[in-house]
Amino acid sequence: FNLYDPDQTGTIDQSDYERRTQYLAEHRGYEDGSPEYLNLRQRIMKDW
């Protein structure tokens, strides 16, 4: 649960999944809006 709640608000919400998208995209070198970024975001938001 704490891994899914990195800002430690005591809840998991969509912003935590958005944050995960940003983190993974940055570390994979995906530019915001690129096909790779959009694919990653789509998969993560589907998980949410």
All heavy atoms as atom14 arrays in JSON, in Angstrom:
{
  "sequence": "FNLYDPDQTGTIDQSDYERRTQYLAEHRGYEDGSPEYLNLRQRIMKDW",
  "atom14_mask": [
    [1, 1, 1, 1, 1, 1, 1, 1, 1, 1, 1, 0, 0, 0],
    [1, 1, 1, 1, 1, 1, 1, 1, 0, 0, 0, 0, 0, 0],
    [1, 1, 1, 1, 1, 1, 1, 1, 0, 0, 0, 0, 0, 0],
    [1, 1, 1, 1, 1, 1, 1, 1, 1, 1, 1, 1, 0, 0],
    [1, 1, 1, 1, 1, 1, 1, 1, 0, 0, 0, 0, 0, 0],
    [1, 1, 1, 1, 1, 1, 1, 0, 0, 0, 0, 0, 0, 0],
    [1, 1, 1, 1, 1, 1, 1, 1, 0, 0, 0, 0, 0, 0],
    [1, 1, 1, 1, 1, 1, 1, 1, 1, 0, 0, 0, 0, 0],
    [1, 1, 1, 1, 1, 1, 1, 0, 0, 0, 0, 0, 0, 0],
    [1, 1, 1, 1, 0, 0, 0, 0, 0, 0, 0, 0, 0, 0],
    [1, 1, 1, 1, 1, 1, 1, 0, 0, 0, 0, 0, 0, 0],
    [1, 1, 1, 1, 1, 1, 1, 1, 0, 0, 0, 0, 0, 0],
    [1, 1, 1, 1, 1, 1, 1, 1, 0, 0, 0, 0, 0, 0],
    [1, 1, 1, 1, 1, 1, 1, 1, 1, 0, 0, 0, 0, 0],
    [1, 1, 1, 1, 1, 1, 0, 0, 0, 0, 0, 0, 0, 0],
    [1, 1, 1, 1, 1, 1, 1, 1, 0, 0, 0, 0, 0, 0],
    [1, 1, 1, 1, 1, 1, 1, 1, 1, 1, 1, 1, 0, 0],
    [1, 1, 1, 1, 1, 1, 1, 1, 1, 0, 0, 0, 0, 0],
    [1, 1, 1, 1, 1, 1, 1, 1, 1, 1, 1, 0, 0, 0],
    [1, 1, 1, 1, 1, 1, 1, 1, 1, 1, 1, 0, 0, 0],
    [1, 1, 1, 1, 1, 1, 1, 0, 0, 0, 0, 0, 0, 0],
    [1, 1, 1, 1, 1, 1, 1, 1, 1, 0, 0, 0, 0, 0],
    [1, 1, 1, 1, 1, 1, 1, 1, 1, 1, 1, 1, 0, 0],
    [1, 1, 1, 1, 1, 1, 1, 1, 0, 0, 0, 0, 0, 0],
    [1, 1, 1, 1, 1, 0, 0, 0, 0, 0, 0, 0, 0, 0],
    [1, 1, 1, 1, 1, 1, 1, 1, 1, 0, 0, 0, 0, 0],
    [1, 1, 1, 1, 1, 1, 1, 1, 1, 1, 0, 0, 0, 0],
    [1, 1, 1, 1, 1, 1, 1, 1, 1, 1, 1, 0, 0, 0],
    [1, 1, 1, 1, 0, 0, 0, 0, 0, 0, 0, 0, 0, 0],
    [1, 1, 1, 1, 1, 1, 1, 1, 1, 1, 1, 1, 0, 0],
    [1, 1, 1, 1, 1, 1, 1, 1, 1, 0, 0, 0, 0, 0],
    [1, 1, 1, 1, 1, 1, 1, 1, 0, 0, 0, 0, 0, 0],
    [1, 1, 1, 1, 0, 0, 0, 0, 0, 0, 0, 0, 0, 0],
    [1, 1, 1, 1, 1, 1, 0, 0, 0, 0, 0, 0, 0, 0],
    [1, 1, 1, 1, 1, 1, 1, 0, 0, 0, 0, 0, 0, 0],
    [1, 1, 1, 1, 1, 1, 1, 1, 1, 0, 0, 0, 0, 0],
    [1, 1, 1, 1, 1, 1, 1, 1, 1, 1, 1, 1, 0, 0],
    [1, 1, 1, 1, 1, 1, 1, 1, 0, 0, 0, 0, 0, 0],
    [1, 1, 1, 1, 1, 1, 1, 1, 0, 0, 0, 0, 0, 0],
    [1, 1, 1, 1, 1, 1, 1, 1, 0, 0, 0, 0, 0, 0],
    [1, 1, 1, 1, 1, 1, 1, 1, 1, 1, 1, 0, 0, 0],
    [1, 1, 1, 1, 1, 1, 1, 1, 1, 0, 0, 0, 0, 0],
    [1, 1, 1, 1, 1, 1, 1, 1, 1, 1, 1, 0, 0, 0],
    [1, 1, 1, 1, 1, 1, 1, 1, 0, 0, 0, 0, 0, 0],
    [1, 1, 1, 1, 1, 1, 1, 1, 0, 0, 0, 0, 0, 0],
    [1, 1, 1, 1, 1, 1, 1, 1, 1, 0, 0, 0, 0, 0],
    [1, 1, 1, 1, 1, 1, 1, 1, 0, 0, 0, 0, 0, 0],
    [1, 1, 1, 1, 1, 1, 1, 1, 1, 1, 1, 1, 1, 1]
  ],
  "atom14_positions": [
    [[0.83, -1.2, 0.0], [0.0, 0.0, 0.0], [0.87, 1.25, 0.0], [0.63, 2.19, -0.76], [-0.94, 0.0, 1.21], [-1.85, 1.2, 1.27], [-3.06, 1.18, 0.61], [-1.49, 2.34, 1.97], [-3.91, 2.28, 0.65], [-2.32, 3.44, 2.02], [-3.53, 3.41, 1.36], [0.0, 0.0, 0.0], [0.0, 0.0, 0.0], [0.0, 0.0, 0.0]],
    [[1.91, 1.26, 0.83], [2.79, 2.42, 0.91], [3.54, 2.67, -0.4], [3.84, 3.82, -0.73], [3.75, 2.28, 2.08], [3.05, 2.45, 3.4], [2.05, 3.15, 3.5], [3.55, 1.79, 4.43], [0.0, 0.0, 0.0], [0.0, 0.0, 0.0], [0.0, 0.0, 0.0], [0.0, 0.0, 0.0], [0.0, 0.0, 0.0], [0.0, 0.0, 0.0]],
    [[3.83, 1.61, -1.15], [4.46, 1.79, -2.45], [3.5, 2.47, -3.43], [3.92, 3.27, -4.27], [4.91, 0.44, -3.02], [6.09, -0.21, -2.32], [6.32, -1.61, -2.86], [7.35, 0.64, -2.47], [0.0, 0.0, 0.0], [0.0, 0.0, 0.0], [0.0, 0.0, 0.0], [0.0, 0.0, 0.0], [0.0, 0.0, 0.0], [0.0, 0.0, 0.0]],
    [[2.22, 2.14, -3.33], [1.21, 2.76, -4.19], [0.85, 4.17, -3.72], [0.2, 4.91, -4.46], [-0.06, 1.9, -4.23], [0.03, 0.7, -5.12], [0.18, -0.57, -4.58], [-0.04, 0.82, -6.5], [0.27, -1.69, -5.4], [0.05, -0.29, -7.33], [0.2, -1.54, -6.77], [0.28, -2.64, -7.58], [0.0, 0.0, 0.0], [0.0, 0.0, 0.0]],
    [[1.24, 4.52, -2.52], [0.93, 5.84, -1.93], [2.24, 6.58, -1.64], [2.57, 6.85, -0.48], [0.11, 5.66, -0.65], [-0.25, 6.96, 0.04], [-0.39, 7.99, -0.65], [-0.38, 6.95, 1.28], [0.0, 0.0, 0.0], [0.0, 0.0, 0.0], [0.0, 0.0, 0.0], [0.0, 0.0, 0.0], [0.0, 0.0, 0.0], [0.0, 0.0, 0.0]],
    [[2.99, 6.95, -2.68], [4.31, 7.53, -2.45], [4.29, 8.89, -1.76], [5.27, 9.26, -1.1], [4.91, 7.64, -3.86], [3.72, 7.73, -4.75], [2.66, 6.88, -4.08], [0.0, 0.0, 0.0], [0.0, 0.0, 0.0], [0.0, 0.0, 0.0], [0.0, 0.0, 0.0], [0.0, 0.0, 0.0], [0.0, 0.0, 0.0], [0.0, 0.0, 0.0]],
    [[3.2, 9.64, -1.87], [3.12, 10.93, -1.2], [2.65, 10.8, 0.25], [2.53, 11.78, 0.96], [2.25, 11.92, -1.97], [0.84, 11.4, -2.23], [0.51, 10.28, -1.79], [0.08, 12.13, -2.89], [0.0, 0.0, 0.0], [0.0, 0.0, 0.0], [0.0, 0.0, 0.0], [0.0, 0.0, 0.0], [0.0, 0.0, 0.0], [0.0, 0.0, 0.0]],
    [[2.37, 9.57, 0.65], [2.0, 9.22, 2.02], [0.82, 10.04, 2.55], [0.84, 10.51, 3.69], [3.21, 9.31, 2.94], [4.32, 8.4, 2.45], [5.27, 7.99, 3.53], [5.31, 8.58, 4.6], [6.03, 6.96, 3.26], [0.0, 0.0, 0.0], [0.0, 0.0, 0.0], [0.0, 0.0, 0.0], [0.0, 0.0, 0.0], [0.0, 0.0, 0.0]],
    [[-0.21, 10.15, 1.73], [-1.42, 10.84, 2.16], [-2.35, 9.91, 2.93], [-3.34, 10.36, 3.49], [-2.19, 11.4, 0.95], [-2.53, 10.31, 0.08], [-1.38, 12.44, 0.21], [0.0, 0.0, 0.0], [0.0, 0.0, 0.0], [0.0, 0.0, 0.0], [0.0, 0.0, 0.0], [0.0, 0.0, 0.0], [0.0, 0.0, 0.0], [0.0, 0.0, 0.0]],
    [[-2.05, 8.62, 2.89], [-2.92, 7.65, 3.55], [-4.0, 7.11, 2.63], [-4.82, 6.3, 3.05], [0.0, 0.0, 0.0], [0.0, 0.0, 0.0], [0.0, 0.0, 0.0], [0.0, 0.0, 0.0], [0.0, 0.0, 0.0], [0.0, 0.0, 0.0], [0.0, 0.0, 0.0], [0.0, 0.0, 0.0], [0.0, 0.0, 0.0], [0.0, 0.0, 0.0]],
    [[-3.98, 7.57, 1.38], [-4.91, 7.06, 0.38], [-4.17, 6.88, -0.93], [-3.17, 7.54, -1.2], [-6.11, 8.0, 0.14], [-5.63, 9.25, -0.35], [-6.93, 8.2, 1.4], [0.0, 0.0, 0.0], [0.0, 0.0, 0.0], [0.0, 0.0, 0.0], [0.0, 0.0, 0.0], [0.0, 0.0, 0.0], [0.0, 0.0, 0.0], [0.0, 0.0, 0.0]],
    [[-4.7, 5.98, -1.74], [-4.23, 5.82, -3.11], [-5.29, 6.46, -4.0], [-6.48, 6.19, -3.83], [-4.07, 4.33, -3.46], [-3.09, 3.64, -2.53], [-3.63, 4.17, -4.92], [-3.1, 2.12, -2.65], [0.0, 0.0, 0.0], [0.0, 0.0, 0.0], [0.0, 0.0, 0.0], [0.0, 0.0, 0.0], [0.0, 0.0, 0.0], [0.0, 0.0, 0.0]],
    [[-4.84, 7.31, -4.92], [-5.81, 7.93, -5.83], [-5.19, 8.07, -7.21], [-4.05, 7.66, -7.45], [-6.31, 9.27, -5.29], [-5.21, 10.28, -5.08], [-4.2, 10.26, -5.81], [-5.37, 11.12, -4.19], [0.0, 0.0, 0.0], [0.0, 0.0, 0.0], [0.0, 0.0, 0.0], [0.0, 0.0, 0.0], [0.0, 0.0, 0.0], [0.0, 0.0, 0.0]],
    [[-5.94, 8.64, -8.11], [-5.49, 8.75, -9.49], [-4.19, 9.54, -9.61], [-3.35, 9.22, -10.45], [-6.58, 9.4, -10.35], [-6.21, 9.44, -11.82], [-7.36, 9.9, -12.69], [-8.52, 9.86, -12.28], [-7.05, 10.33, -13.89], [0.0, 0.0, 0.0], [0.0, 0.0, 0.0], [0.0, 0.0, 0.0], [0.0, 0.0, 0.0], [0.0, 0.0, 0.0]],
    [[-3.99, 10.52, -8.78], [-2.76, 11.32, -8.86], [-1.53, 10.47, -8.57], [-0.45, 10.73, -9.1], [-2.82, 12.53, -7.93], [-2.77, 12.14, -6.58], [0.0, 0.0, 0.0], [0.0, 0.0, 0.0], [0.0, 0.0, 0.0], [0.0, 0.0, 0.0], [0.0, 0.0, 0.0], [0.0, 0.0, 0.0], [0.0, 0.0, 0.0], [0.0, 0.0, 0.0]],
    [[-1.67, 9.45, -7.73], [-0.55, 8.55, -7.47], [-0.19, 7.77, -8.73], [0.99, 7.52, -9.01], [-0.88, 7.58, -6.33], [-1.05, 8.31, -5.0], [-0.23, 9.2, -4.7], [-1.99, 7.98, -4.27], [0.0, 0.0, 0.0], [0.0, 0.0, 0.0], [0.0, 0.0, 0.0], [0.0, 0.0, 0.0], [0.0, 0.0, 0.0], [0.0, 0.0, 0.0]],
    [[-1.18, 7.4, -9.5], [-0.94, 6.69, -10.76], [-0.38, 7.63, -11.82], [0.46, 7.23, -12.62], [-2.22, 5.98, -11.23], [-2.43, 4.69, -10.5], [-2.83, 4.66, -9.17], [-2.21, 3.48, -11.13], [-3.01, 3.47, -8.49], [-2.38, 2.27, -10.46], [-2.78, 2.28, -9.14], [-2.93, 1.1, -8.47], [0.0, 0.0, 0.0], [0.0, 0.0, 0.0]],
    [[-0.83, 8.87, -11.82], [-0.25, 9.87, -12.73], [1.22, 10.08, -12.39], [2.06, 10.18, -13.29], [-1.0, 11.21, -12.62], [-2.41, 11.18, -13.13], [-2.52, 11.2, -14.64], [-1.5, 11.23, -15.36], [-3.68, 11.18, -15.12], [0.0, 0.0, 0.0], [0.0, 0.0, 0.0], [0.0, 0.0, 0.0], [0.0, 0.0, 0.0], [0.0, 0.0, 0.0]],
    [[1.53, 10.14, -11.1], [2.9, 10.31, -10.64], [3.76, 9.12, -11.08], [4.9, 9.29, -11.52], [2.92, 10.46, -9.11], [4.24, 10.92, -8.56], [4.15, 11.22, -7.06], [3.24, 12.35, -6.81], [2.04, 12.25, -6.25], [1.56, 11.1, -5.85], [1.29, 13.32, -6.06], [0.0, 0.0, 0.0], [0.0, 0.0, 0.0], [0.0, 0.0, 0.0]],
    [[3.2, 7.92, -11.0], [3.92, 6.73, -11.43], [4.22, 6.81, -12.93], [5.31, 6.47, -13.38], [3.13, 5.47, -11.13], [3.87, 4.22, -11.57], [3.15, 2.94, -11.27], [2.81, 2.88, -9.87], [1.69, 2.33, -9.42], [0.81, 1.81, -10.25], [1.45, 2.28, -8.14], [0.0, 0.0, 0.0], [0.0, 0.0, 0.0], [0.0, 0.0, 0.0]],
    [[3.25, 7.29, -13.7], [3.46, 7.45, -15.14], [4.63, 8.39, -15.4], [5.52, 8.08, -16.2], [2.19, 8.01, -15.82], [1.12, 7.09, -15.62], [2.41, 8.23, -17.31], [0.0, 0.0, 0.0], [0.0, 0.0, 0.0], [0.0, 0.0, 0.0], [0.0, 0.0, 0.0], [0.0, 0.0, 0.0], [0.0, 0.0, 0.0], [0.0, 0.0, 0.0]],
    [[4.63, 9.54, -14.74], [5.7, 10.52, -14.93], [7.06, 9.94, -14.56], [8.05, 10.12, -15.29], [5.43, 11.77, -14.08], [4.25, 12.59, -14.55], [4.47, 13.17, -15.93], [5.56, 13.56, -16.31], [3.41, 13.21, -16.72], [0.0, 0.0, 0.0], [0.0, 0.0, 0.0], [0.0, 0.0, 0.0], [0.0, 0.0, 0.0], [0.0, 0.0, 0.0]],
    [[7.12, 9.24, -13.43], [8.37, 8.66, -12.96], [8.91, 7.64, -13.96], [10.08, 7.68, -14.35], [8.15, 8.01, -11.58], [9.37, 7.28, -11.08], [10.39, 7.97, -10.44], [9.5, 5.91, -11.25], [11.51, 7.31, -9.99], [10.62, 5.23, -10.8], [11.62, 5.94, -10.17], [12.74, 5.27, -9.72], [0.0, 0.0, 0.0], [0.0, 0.0, 0.0]],
    [[8.05, 6.7, -14.37], [8.49, 5.66, -15.29], [8.87, 6.24, -16.65], [9.87, 5.83, -17.26], [7.42, 4.59, -15.45], [7.21, 3.7, -14.23], [6.01, 2.78, -14.44], [8.47, 2.88, -13.95], [0.0, 0.0, 0.0], [0.0, 0.0, 0.0], [0.0, 0.0, 0.0], [0.0, 0.0, 0.0], [0.0, 0.0, 0.0], [0.0, 0.0, 0.0]],
    [[8.08, 7.18, -17.14], [8.38, 7.8, -18.44], [9.73, 8.5, -18.4], [10.54, 8.37, -19.32], [7.28, 8.77, -18.83], [0.0, 0.0, 0.0], [0.0, 0.0, 0.0], [0.0, 0.0, 0.0], [0.0, 0.0, 0.0], [0.0, 0.0, 0.0], [0.0, 0.0, 0.0], [0.0, 0.0, 0.0], [0.0, 0.0, 0.0], [0.0, 0.0, 0.0]],
    [[9.97, 9.23, -17.34], [11.23, 9.95, -17.2], [12.41, 8.98, -17.18], [13.41, 9.19, -17.86], [11.21, 10.78, -15.91], [12.47, 11.58, -15.68], [12.39, 12.38, -14.4], [11.37, 13.06, -14.19], [13.35, 12.32, -13.62], [0.0, 0.0, 0.0], [0.0, 0.0, 0.0], [0.0, 0.0, 0.0], [0.0, 0.0, 0.0], [0.0, 0.0, 0.0]],
    [[12.27, 7.91, -16.41], [13.37, 6.96, -16.3], [13.56, 6.09, -17.54], [14.63, 5.54, -17.75], [13.19, 6.11, -15.05], [13.61, 6.84, -13.82], [12.79, 7.79, -13.23], [14.75, 6.83, -13.12], [13.43, 8.31, -12.2], [14.62, 7.75, -12.1], [0.0, 0.0, 0.0], [0.0, 0.0, 0.0], [0.0, 0.0, 0.0], [0.0, 0.0, 0.0]],
    [[12.56, 6.02, -18.37], [12.67, 5.28, -19.63], [13.02, 6.19, -20.81], [13.21, 5.73, -21.92], [11.38, 4.53, -19.93], [11.12, 3.42, -18.93], [9.83, 2.72, -19.2], [9.6, 1.69, -18.18], [8.54, 0.91, -18.15], [7.61, 1.02, -19.08], [8.41, 0.02, -17.2], [0.0, 0.0, 0.0], [0.0, 0.0, 0.0], [0.0, 0.0, 0.0]],
    [[13.07, 7.49, -20.53], [13.41, 8.44, -21.57], [12.28, 8.75, -22.53], [12.53, 9.2, -23.65], [0.0, 0.0, 0.0], [0.0, 0.0, 0.0], [0.0, 0.0, 0.0], [0.0, 0.0, 0.0], [0.0, 0.0, 0.0], [0.0, 0.0, 0.0], [0.0, 0.0, 0.0], [0.0, 0.0, 0.0], [0.0, 0.0, 0.0], [0.0, 0.0, 0.0]],
    [[11.04, 8.56, -22.09], [9.89, 8.86, -22.95], [9.53, 10.33, -22.81], [9.36, 10.83, -21.71], [8.66, 8.03, -22.54], [8.82, 6.53, -22.64], [7.92, 5.71, -22.0], [9.84, 5.93, -23.35], [8.02, 4.32, -22.07], [9.96, 4.55, -23.43], [9.06, 3.75, -22.79], [9.16, 2.39, -22.86], [0.0, 0.0, 0.0], [0.0, 0.0, 0.0]],
    [[9.37, 10.98, -23.92], [8.97, 12.38, -23.9], [7.46, 12.48, -23.73], [6.7, 11.67, -24.28], [9.38, 13.06, -25.2], [10.88, 13.02, -25.39], [11.43, 14.32, -25.88], [10.68, 15.31, -25.95], [12.62, 14.33, -26.18], [0.0, 0.0, 0.0], [0.0, 0.0, 0.0], [0.0, 0.0, 0.0], [0.0, 0.0, 0.0], [0.0, 0.0, 0.0]],
    [[7.03, 13.48, -22.97], [5.6, 13.71, -22.75], [4.91, 13.86, -24.11], [5.34, 14.66, -24.95], [5.41, 14.98, -21.91], [3.99, 15.14, -21.41], [3.16, 14.24, -21.62], [3.71, 16.18, -20.79], [0.0, 0.0, 0.0], [0.0, 0.0, 0.0], [0.0, 0.0, 0.0], [0.0, 0.0, 0.0], [0.0, 0.0, 0.0], [0.0, 0.0, 0.0]],
    [[3.88, 13.08, -24.33], [3.13, 13.14, -25.59], [3.62, 12.18, -26.65], [2.96, 12.02, -27.67], [0.0, 0.0, 0.0], [0.0, 0.0, 0.0], [0.0, 0.0, 0.0], [0.0, 0.0, 0.0], [0.0, 0.0, 0.0], [0.0, 0.0, 0.0], [0.0, 0.0, 0.0], [0.0, 0.0, 0.0], [0.0, 0.0, 0.0], [0.0, 0.0, 0.0]],
    [[4.77, 11.55, -26.43], [5.28, 10.59, -27.42], [4.4, 9.34, -27.42], [3.69, 9.06, -26.44], [6.73, 10.21, -27.1], [6.78, 9.41, -25.91], [0.0, 0.0, 0.0], [0.0, 0.0, 0.0], [0.0, 0.0, 0.0], [0.0, 0.0, 0.0], [0.0, 0.0, 0.0], [0.0, 0.0, 0.0], [0.0, 0.0, 0.0], [0.0, 0.0, 0.0]],
    [[4.45, 8.55, -28.49], [3.66, 7.32, -28.51], [4.0, 6.38, -27.35], [3.1, 5.77, -26.77], [4.02, 6.68, -29.86], [4.45, 7.82, -30.72], [5.11, 8.79, -29.77], [0.0, 0.0, 0.0], [0.0, 0.0, 0.0], [0.0, 0.0, 0.0], [0.0, 0.0, 0.0], [0.0, 0.0, 0.0], [0.0, 0.0, 0.0], [0.0, 0.0, 0.0]],
    [[5.27, 6.3, -26.98], [5.67, 5.45, -25.86], [5.06, 5.95, -24.54], [4.58, 5.16, -23.74], [7.2, 5.39, -25.74], [7.9, 4.77, -26.91], [8.21, 5.75, -28.03], [7.87, 6.94, -27.92], [8.77, 5.29, -29.04], [0.0, 0.0, 0.0], [0.0, 0.0, 0.0], [0.0, 0.0, 0.0], [0.0, 0.0, 0.0], [0.0, 0.0, 0.0]],
    [[5.11, 7.26, -24.36], [4.54, 7.86, -23.15], [3.03, 7.62, -23.1], [2.51, 7.21, -22.07], [4.83, 9.37, -23.12], [4.18, 10.06, -21.96], [4.84, 10.19, -20.74], [2.88, 10.58, -22.05], [4.24, 10.81, -19.66], [2.28, 11.2, -20.98], [2.96, 11.32, -19.79], [2.36, 11.92, -18.71], [0.0, 0.0, 0.0], [0.0, 0.0, 0.0]],
    [[2.35, 7.85, -24.2], [0.89, 7.69, -24.23], [0.49, 6.23, -23.99], [-0.49, 5.96, -23.28], [0.33, 8.2, -25.54], [0.5, 9.71, -25.77], [0.04, 10.08, -27.18], [-0.24, 10.51, -24.72], [0.0, 0.0, 0.0], [0.0, 0.0, 0.0], [0.0, 0.0, 0.0], [0.0, 0.0, 0.0], [0.0, 0.0, 0.0], [0.0, 0.0, 0.0]],
    [[1.26, 5.29, -24.54], [0.99, 3.87, -24.31], [1.18, 3.52, -22.84], [0.35, 2.83, -22.24], [1.9, 3.03, -25.2], [1.6, 1.56, -25.09], [1.74, 0.96, -24.03], [1.21, 0.96, -26.2], [0.0, 0.0, 0.0], [0.0, 0.0, 0.0], [0.0, 0.0, 0.0], [0.0, 0.0, 0.0], [0.0, 0.0, 0.0], [0.0, 0.0, 0.0]],
    [[2.28, 3.99, -22.25], [2.55, 3.75, -20.84], [1.44, 4.34, -19.97], [0.91, 3.66, -19.08], [3.89, 4.37, -20.45], [4.29, 4.28, -18.98], [4.54, 2.83, -18.57], [5.51, 5.14, -18.71], [0.0, 0.0, 0.0], [0.0, 0.0, 0.0], [0.0, 0.0, 0.0], [0.0, 0.0, 0.0], [0.0, 0.0, 0.0], [0.0, 0.0, 0.0]],
    [[1.05, 5.57, -20.25], [0.0, 6.22, -19.47], [-1.31, 5.45, -19.58], [-2.0, 5.25, -18.59], [-0.2, 7.67, -19.91], [-1.21, 8.39, -19.03], [-1.42, 9.84, -19.45], [-2.28, 10.51, -18.5], [-3.61, 10.33, -18.44], [-4.22, 9.49, -19.26], [-4.32, 10.97, -17.55], [0.0, 0.0, 0.0], [0.0, 0.0, 0.0], [0.0, 0.0, 0.0]],
    [[-1.65, 5.02, -20.77], [-2.88, 4.28, -20.97], [-2.89, 3.0, -20.13], [-3.89, 2.69, -19.48], [-3.07, 3.94, -22.45], [-4.32, 3.15, -22.73], [-4.45, 2.76, -24.19], [-3.48, 2.77, -24.95], [-5.65, 2.42, -24.59], [0.0, 0.0, 0.0], [0.0, 0.0, 0.0], [0.0, 0.0, 0.0], [0.0, 0.0, 0.0], [0.0, 0.0, 0.0]],
    [[-1.79, 2.28, -20.11], [-1.72, 1.04, -19.33], [-1.81, 1.3, -17.83], [-2.51, 0.6, -17.1], [-0.45, 0.26, -19.66], [-0.5, -0.37, -21.05], [0.73, -1.17, -21.35], [1.87, -0.25, -21.31], [3.1, -0.61, -21.0], [3.39, -1.84, -20.72], [4.08, 0.27, -20.99], [0.0, 0.0, 0.0], [0.0, 0.0, 0.0], [0.0, 0.0, 0.0]],
    [[-1.11, 2.32, -17.37], [-1.12, 2.63, -15.93], [-2.49, 3.13, -15.5], [-3.0, 2.75, -14.44], [0.0, 3.63, -15.59], [1.35, 2.91, -15.71], [-0.19, 4.2, -14.18], [2.56, 3.8, -15.53], [0.0, 0.0, 0.0], [0.0, 0.0, 0.0], [0.0, 0.0, 0.0], [0.0, 0.0, 0.0], [0.0, 0.0, 0.0], [0.0, 0.0, 0.0]],
    [[-3.12, 3.97, -16.31], [-4.43, 4.49, -15.93], [-5.5, 3.38, -16.0], [-6.46, 3.41, -15.23], [-4.81, 5.68, -16.8], [-3.86, 6.88, -16.6], [-3.4, 7.24, -14.88], [-4.96, 7.77, -14.23], [0.0, 0.0, 0.0], [0.0, 0.0, 0.0], [0.0, 0.0, 0.0], [0.0, 0.0, 0.0], [0.0, 0.0, 0.0], [0.0, 0.0, 0.0]],
    [[-5.32, 2.42, -16.88], [-6.23, 1.27, -16.89], [-6.1, 0.51, -15.58], [-7.1, 0.06, -15.01], [-5.93, 0.36, -18.08], [-6.9, -0.78, -18.2], [-6.65, -1.6, -19.44], [-7.68, -2.72, -19.52], [-7.47, -3.54, -20.72], [0.0, 0.0, 0.0], [0.0, 0.0, 0.0], [0.0, 0.0, 0.0], [0.0, 0.0, 0.0], [0.0, 0.0, 0.0]],
    [[-4.87, 0.37, -15.08], [-4.67, -0.26, -13.77], [-5.42, 0.5, -12.69], [-6.06, -0.1, -11.82], [-3.19, -0.33, -13.4], [-2.41, -1.34, -14.21], [-3.03, -2.2, -14.89], [-1.16, -1.28, -14.17], [0.0, 0.0, 0.0], [0.0, 0.0, 0.0], [0.0, 0.0, 0.0], [0.0, 0.0, 0.0], [0.0, 0.0, 0.0], [0.0, 0.0, 0.0]],
    [[-5.34, 1.84, -12.72], [-6.06, 2.65, -11.73], [-7.57, 2.4, -11.82], [-8.24, 2.22, -10.82], [-5.77, 4.14, -11.89], [-6.78, 4.97, -11.18], [-7.72, 5.78, -11.73], [-7.02, 5.02, -9.77], [-8.52, 6.33, -10.76], [-8.1, 5.88, -9.53], [-6.41, 4.42, -8.67], [-8.59, 6.16, -8.26], [-6.9, 4.7, -7.39], [-7.97, 5.56, -7.2]]
  ]
}
